[in-house]
Amino acid sequence: MQSQAPNYLLYDRSRLLKAVEELDHHLHQCRLCPNLCGADRISGHTGVCRATDRVKLGSFAVHHGEEPPLSGTHGSGTVFFSHCTLQCLFCQNYPLSQLHHGKEYTIESLSEAYLWLQQQGCHNLNWVSATQYLPQAFHALLLAREKGLHIPIVYNSSGWETEDTIRLLEPIVDIFLPDARYASEKPAIEYSKAFRYPAINERALRRMREYQPEEVWQEENGILQKGMIVRVLILPGHAKDAVEILYRLKDWFGVSLPISLMSQYFPCYQALEHPVLKRRILREEYDMAVNALHDLGFESGWVQEFDA
């Protein structure tokens, strides 16, 4: 049964302030992501992601290409943060994540971007790859909340997160949208330099589900207000890994967990020279994952049209 969402979303200002204060410490000794590099960003040092203390965005825009309960009819208000905690060979957003393109924003102008997206009628505010900029994102959110921001917050993540960072998100994130990208450590290291990804991903997803244990929808339009959707991207030559991930997700969370099975991989950036990643996925690879999704009995999910 679908639960009726409230007309507005409440937030605990004191808890948000406490999270902001704790996040600010990471600008002096950054441990926001599993790299735990300890960079003093205030002093101009940068760690693995190369982000400074000044927030940089690739763009913010009304986006209609997310999962249907996020995009709806009016779009998802996506905020694309530059830099990334991972170093994926195949990143489709590599100009932002790996080449660090983008424009610097003040906290005030970032908060104004949030409010502008709400004014466009967006169903939610969607932070894409925000981990490295969470202190600034929270400061801007605090300002925007005080000026009337009330749409749900989506945390759109690679799924490579520390439990401490997820704990700080708990007071403000309404919808978690993580990846479950690798079933084993070898490709995670080779393709993304993500050491211990499977174990770290499991702990992060479990904590996210603890904070958002069920989906809350608007009855009139099916827009998601609270909950969690897990994305599974099929990589060429790794369809069996995607199937293994689906088995694990069912074991951890049951069949009520919404799944987004993604066929959109295409070779770009350094994947163009990689012996495995340099091709698109095959129809039979995607069908293997789709069949597993159905056979496992997941009750809610989305598959993409396969484009050869």
Protein backbone atom coordinates (compact mmCIF):
# COMPACT_ATOMS: atom_id res chain seq x y z
CA MET A 1 0.00 0.00 0.00
CA GLN A 2 1.30 3.45 -0.85
CA SER A 3 1.55 5.92 2.01
CA GLN A 4 0.27 9.45 1.67
CA ALA A 5 3.08 12.01 1.71
CA PRO A 6 2.69 15.21 3.74
CA ASN A 7 2.01 18.49 1.97
CA TYR A 8 5.37 19.81 3.14
CA LEU A 9 8.52 18.34 4.61
CA LEU A 10 9.63 19.34 8.07
CA TYR A 11 13.21 19.46 9.20
CA ASP A 12 14.92 19.75 12.56
CA ARG A 13 16.93 22.97 12.40
CA SER A 14 18.99 22.15 15.48
CA ARG A 15 20.09 18.83 14.00
CA LEU A 16 20.94 20.48 10.70
CA LEU A 17 23.05 23.06 12.52
CA LYS A 18 24.85 20.31 14.42
CA ALA A 19 25.58 18.45 11.17
CA VAL A 20 26.88 21.66 9.57
CA GLU A 21 29.24 22.22 12.50
CA GLU A 22 30.59 18.68 12.30
CA LEU A 23 30.99 18.82 8.53
CA ASP A 24 33.03 22.03 8.78
CA HIS A 25 35.78 20.09 10.56
CA HIS A 26 36.33 18.12 7.35
CA LEU A 27 37.51 21.25 5.57
CA HIS A 28 40.48 21.25 7.95
CA GLN A 29 41.07 17.49 7.87
CA CYS A 30 38.91 15.90 5.20
CA ARG A 31 37.61 12.39 5.78
CA LEU A 32 34.31 12.76 3.98
CA CYS A 33 34.87 9.76 1.72
CA PRO A 34 36.56 6.35 2.11
CA ASN A 35 39.84 7.78 0.79
CA LEU A 36 40.27 9.36 4.26
CA CYS A 37 43.06 11.54 2.88
CA GLY A 38 42.91 14.14 5.66
CA ALA A 39 43.54 17.14 3.37
CA ASP A 40 43.48 20.58 4.98
CA ARG A 41 41.35 22.22 2.31
CA ILE A 42 41.11 25.52 4.18
CA SER A 43 44.89 25.89 3.84
CA GLY A 44 44.77 25.18 0.11
CA HIS A 45 45.74 21.52 0.22
CA THR A 46 43.74 19.03 -1.82
CA GLY A 47 43.30 15.30 -1.51
CA VAL A 48 42.38 12.55 -3.93
CA CYS A 49 39.33 14.36 -5.32
CA ARG A 50 41.31 17.63 -5.76
CA ALA A 51 38.41 19.71 -4.40
CA THR A 52 39.22 22.87 -2.46
CA ASP A 53 37.17 24.70 0.16
CA ARG A 54 35.34 26.61 -2.61
CA VAL A 55 32.36 24.74 -4.03
CA LYS A 56 32.36 24.17 -7.80
CA LEU A 57 29.39 23.09 -9.92
CA GLY A 58 29.24 21.74 -13.43
CA SER A 59 25.63 22.88 -13.69
CA PHE A 60 22.24 22.97 -12.05
CA ALA A 61 19.16 22.26 -14.13
CA VAL A 62 15.69 20.79 -14.40
CA HIS A 63 16.33 17.18 -15.39
CA HIS A 64 13.73 14.85 -16.92
CA GLY A 65 15.94 11.79 -17.31
CA GLU A 66 15.94 10.38 -13.79
CA GLU A 67 13.74 7.49 -12.66
CA PRO A 68 10.02 8.22 -13.22
CA PRO A 69 9.12 8.82 -9.54
CA LEU A 70 11.93 11.40 -9.33
CA SER A 71 11.50 13.21 -12.65
CA GLY A 72 7.72 13.03 -12.74
CA THR A 73 6.14 15.69 -14.94
CA HIS A 74 8.12 18.70 -13.73
CA GLY A 75 11.62 17.24 -13.51
CA SER A 76 14.22 16.66 -10.83
CA GLY A 77 16.25 19.68 -9.71
CA THR A 78 19.73 18.33 -10.31
CA VAL A 79 22.84 20.02 -8.94
CA PHE A 80 25.94 18.54 -10.60
CA PHE A 81 28.96 19.01 -8.34
CA SER A 82 32.42 19.04 -9.90
CA HIS A 83 35.23 16.70 -8.76
CA CYS A 84 34.59 13.18 -7.46
CA THR A 85 35.78 10.84 -4.73
CA LEU A 86 36.23 8.05 -7.32
CA GLN A 87 38.45 7.93 -10.40
CA CYS A 88 36.36 5.89 -12.83
CA LEU A 89 37.93 5.11 -16.19
CA PHE A 90 34.49 5.17 -17.83
CA CYS A 91 32.86 8.21 -16.21
CA GLN A 92 30.31 9.82 -18.54
CA ASN A 93 30.68 13.10 -16.64
CA TYR A 94 34.48 13.04 -16.75
CA PRO A 95 34.87 16.74 -17.68
CA LEU A 96 33.38 17.50 -14.25
CA SER A 97 34.54 14.55 -12.18
CA GLN A 98 38.05 13.95 -13.52
CA LEU A 99 39.02 17.13 -15.40
CA HIS A 100 37.41 19.30 -12.71
CA HIS A 101 35.63 21.70 -15.04
CA GLY A 102 32.95 23.92 -13.58
CA LYS A 103 32.19 27.25 -12.01
CA GLU A 104 32.81 28.30 -8.41
CA TYR A 105 29.80 29.36 -6.35
CA THR A 106 29.45 31.14 -3.04
CA ILE A 107 27.26 29.60 -0.35
CA GLU A 108 24.67 32.31 -1.05
CA SER A 109 24.60 31.68 -4.81
CA LEU A 110 24.37 27.93 -4.24
CA SER A 111 21.37 28.43 -1.96
CA GLU A 112 19.80 30.63 -4.64
CA ALA A 113 20.28 27.79 -7.16
CA TYR A 114 18.37 25.45 -4.82
CA LEU A 115 15.51 27.93 -4.55
CA TRP A 116 15.47 28.57 -8.31
CA LEU A 117 15.02 24.85 -8.98
CA GLN A 118 12.10 24.75 -6.56
CA GLN A 119 10.57 27.79 -8.29
CA GLN A 120 10.72 25.90 -11.61
CA GLY A 121 8.40 23.32 -10.10
CA CYS A 122 10.97 20.55 -9.60
CA HIS A 123 9.73 17.64 -7.52
CA ASN A 124 12.98 17.43 -5.55
CA LEU A 125 16.49 18.84 -5.11
CA ASN A 126 18.91 16.25 -6.46
CA TRP A 127 22.55 16.45 -5.29
CA VAL A 128 24.69 14.56 -7.83
CA SER A 129 28.11 13.42 -6.52
CA ALA A 130 28.07 15.88 -3.63
CA THR A 131 30.21 14.02 -1.09
CA GLN A 132 33.32 16.19 -1.47
CA TYR A 133 31.26 19.37 -1.06
CA LEU A 134 28.87 18.39 1.74
CA PRO A 135 29.99 21.17 4.14
CA GLN A 136 29.16 23.82 1.54
CA ALA A 137 26.01 22.01 0.37
CA PHE A 138 24.70 21.92 3.94
CA HIS A 139 25.47 25.59 4.57
CA ALA A 140 23.57 26.51 1.41
CA LEU A 141 20.71 24.23 2.40
CA LEU A 142 20.40 25.94 5.78
CA LEU A 143 20.08 29.32 4.05
CA ALA A 144 17.59 27.98 1.51
CA ARG A 145 15.45 26.29 4.18
CA GLU A 146 15.13 29.60 5.99
CA LYS A 147 13.92 31.16 2.73
CA GLY A 148 11.27 28.51 2.13
CA LEU A 149 12.93 25.51 0.47
CA HIS A 150 10.73 22.53 1.23
CA ILE A 151 11.07 19.99 -1.59
CA PRO A 152 12.65 16.59 -0.80
CA ILE A 153 16.43 16.21 -0.91
CA VAL A 154 17.83 13.40 -3.10
CA TYR A 155 21.35 12.14 -2.39
CA ASN A 156 22.58 10.80 -5.75
CA SER A 157 25.76 8.86 -4.98
CA SER A 158 28.27 6.31 -6.25
CA GLY A 159 27.52 4.31 -3.12
CA TRP A 160 31.15 4.57 -2.00
CA GLU A 161 30.53 6.40 1.25
CA THR A 162 31.63 6.23 4.87
CA GLU A 163 29.08 5.40 7.53
CA ASP A 164 30.02 8.62 9.35
CA THR A 165 29.13 10.70 6.31
CA ILE A 166 25.81 8.89 5.88
CA ARG A 167 25.07 9.53 9.56
CA LEU A 168 25.45 13.28 8.96
CA LEU A 169 23.02 13.05 6.03
CA GLU A 170 20.28 11.45 8.11
CA PRO A 171 18.64 14.71 9.31
CA ILE A 172 18.17 16.14 5.83
CA VAL A 173 18.17 13.50 3.07
CA ASP A 174 14.71 12.29 2.11
CA ILE A 175 15.64 9.99 -0.77
CA PHE A 176 18.86 8.01 -1.13
CA LEU A 177 19.83 7.20 -4.73
CA PRO A 178 23.06 5.17 -4.49
CA ASP A 179 24.83 2.89 -6.94
CA ALA A 180 25.68 -0.70 -6.18
CA ARG A 181 28.43 -0.82 -8.74
CA TYR A 182 30.84 -3.71 -8.06
CA ALA A 183 30.33 -7.21 -6.67
CA SER A 184 34.07 -7.82 -6.22
CA GLU A 185 37.07 -5.72 -5.33
CA LYS A 186 39.31 -6.35 -8.36
CA PRO A 187 37.28 -4.41 -10.97
CA ALA A 188 36.46 -1.74 -8.39
CA ILE A 189 40.17 -1.06 -7.94
CA GLU A 190 41.05 -1.38 -11.62
CA TYR A 191 38.19 0.72 -12.98
CA SER A 192 37.56 3.24 -10.17
CA LYS A 193 40.47 3.02 -7.70
CA ALA A 194 37.83 2.16 -5.12
CA PHE A 195 39.51 -0.04 -2.55
CA ARG A 196 37.18 -2.26 -0.50
CA TYR A 197 34.19 -1.07 -2.55
CA PRO A 198 31.89 -4.10 -1.98
CA ALA A 199 32.24 -4.01 1.82
CA ILE A 200 32.06 -0.21 2.03
CA ASN A 201 29.07 -0.14 -0.32
CA GLU A 202 27.18 -2.73 1.72
CA ARG A 203 27.67 -0.80 4.96
CA ALA A 204 26.66 2.48 3.31
CA LEU A 205 23.52 1.02 1.75
CA ARG A 206 22.51 -0.66 5.00
CA ARG A 207 22.85 2.64 6.84
CA MET A 208 20.88 4.50 4.16
CA ARG A 209 18.06 1.96 4.40
CA GLU A 210 18.08 2.26 8.17
CA TYR A 211 17.43 5.99 7.81
CA GLN A 212 14.85 5.63 5.03
CA PRO A 213 13.28 2.20 5.66
CA GLU A 214 10.28 2.51 3.35
CA GLU A 215 8.99 4.46 0.39
CA VAL A 216 6.51 7.29 0.80
CA TRP A 217 4.72 8.41 -2.36
CA GLN A 218 2.34 11.15 -3.36
CA GLU A 219 -0.86 9.26 -4.16
CA GLU A 220 -2.04 11.65 -6.85
CA ASN A 221 1.06 11.38 -9.06
CA GLY A 222 3.32 8.61 -7.74
CA ILE A 223 6.20 10.98 -6.99
CA LEU A 224 8.60 9.64 -4.39
CA GLN A 225 8.85 11.75 -1.23
CA LYS A 226 10.96 9.53 0.99
CA GLY A 227 12.79 6.26 0.53
CA MET A 228 15.63 4.67 -1.39
CA ILE A 229 16.30 3.52 -4.96
CA VAL A 230 19.43 1.51 -5.76
CA ARG A 231 20.97 1.80 -9.22
CA VAL A 232 22.77 -1.13 -10.81
CA LEU A 233 24.86 -0.28 -13.90
CA ILE A 234 25.78 -3.20 -16.15
CA LEU A 235 29.35 -2.96 -17.39
CA PRO A 236 30.60 -4.84 -20.48
CA GLY A 237 31.86 -8.27 -19.55
CA HIS A 238 30.37 -7.99 -16.04
CA ALA A 239 26.71 -9.01 -16.39
CA LYS A 240 27.24 -11.83 -13.88
CA ASP A 241 28.51 -9.27 -11.38
CA ALA A 242 25.28 -7.28 -11.80
CA VAL A 243 23.26 -10.43 -11.18
CA GLU A 244 25.30 -11.13 -8.04
CA ILE A 245 24.59 -7.59 -6.83
CA LEU A 246 20.85 -8.16 -7.32
CA TYR A 247 21.02 -11.36 -5.25
CA ARG A 248 22.81 -9.49 -2.49
CA LEU A 249 20.33 -6.61 -2.51
CA LYS A 250 17.45 -9.04 -2.13
CA ASP A 251 19.26 -10.78 0.73
CA TRP A 252 19.98 -7.48 2.52
CA PHE A 253 16.74 -5.61 1.96
CA GLY A 254 14.09 -7.92 0.51
CA VAL A 255 12.07 -7.57 -2.67
CA SER A 256 10.36 -4.31 -1.70
CA LEU A 257 13.54 -2.31 -2.38
CA PRO A 258 13.14 -0.29 -5.61
CA ILE A 259 15.82 -1.17 -8.19
CA SER A 260 16.91 0.83 -11.22
CA LEU A 261 18.66 -1.41 -13.74
CA MET A 262 20.74 0.70 -16.12
CA SER A 263 21.83 -0.15 -19.66
CA GLN A 264 23.23 3.29 -20.46
CA TYR A 265 26.94 2.43 -20.30
CA PHE A 266 28.96 3.63 -23.27
CA PRO A 267 32.76 3.84 -23.56
CA CYS A 268 34.23 7.27 -22.98
CA TYR A 269 37.22 8.90 -21.31
CA GLN A 270 39.92 6.27 -20.59
CA ALA A 271 37.55 3.37 -21.21
CA LEU A 272 38.05 3.92 -24.94
CA GLU A 273 41.52 2.36 -24.61
CA HIS A 274 40.58 -0.38 -22.13
CA PRO A 275 40.39 -3.98 -23.49
CA VAL A 276 37.16 -4.78 -21.60
CA LEU A 277 35.44 -1.42 -21.24
CA LYS A 278 35.93 -0.14 -24.80
CA ARG A 279 32.64 -1.58 -26.11
CA ARG A 280 28.94 -1.15 -25.36
CA ILE A 281 27.16 -3.86 -23.41
CA LEU A 282 25.53 -6.64 -25.41
CA ARG A 283 21.82 -7.41 -25.57
CA GLU A 284 22.40 -10.80 -23.93
CA GLU A 285 24.30 -9.14 -21.07
CA TYR A 286 21.45 -6.77 -20.33
CA ASP A 287 18.85 -9.52 -20.70
CA MET A 288 20.74 -11.62 -18.15
CA ALA A 289 20.38 -8.85 -15.57
CA VAL A 290 16.76 -8.06 -16.47
CA ASN A 291 15.79 -11.73 -16.18
CA ALA A 292 17.45 -11.95 -12.78
CA LEU A 293 15.56 -8.84 -11.62
CA HIS A 294 12.25 -10.49 -12.56
CA ASP A 295 13.18 -13.98 -11.31
CA LEU A 296 14.19 -12.61 -7.91
CA GLY A 297 10.75 -11.06 -7.55
CA PHE A 298 11.60 -7.42 -6.93
CA GLU A 299 8.29 -5.60 -6.58
CA SER A 300 9.33 -2.15 -7.73
CA GLY A 301 11.91 -1.14 -10.28
CA TRP A 302 12.78 0.29 -13.65
CA VAL A 303 14.67 -0.98 -16.66
CA GLN A 304 15.94 1.12 -19.54
CA GLU A 305 15.26 0.60 -23.21
CA PHE A 306 18.21 -1.25 -24.70
CA ASP A 307 19.91 0.77 -27.42
CA ALA A 308 22.43 -1.25 -29.38
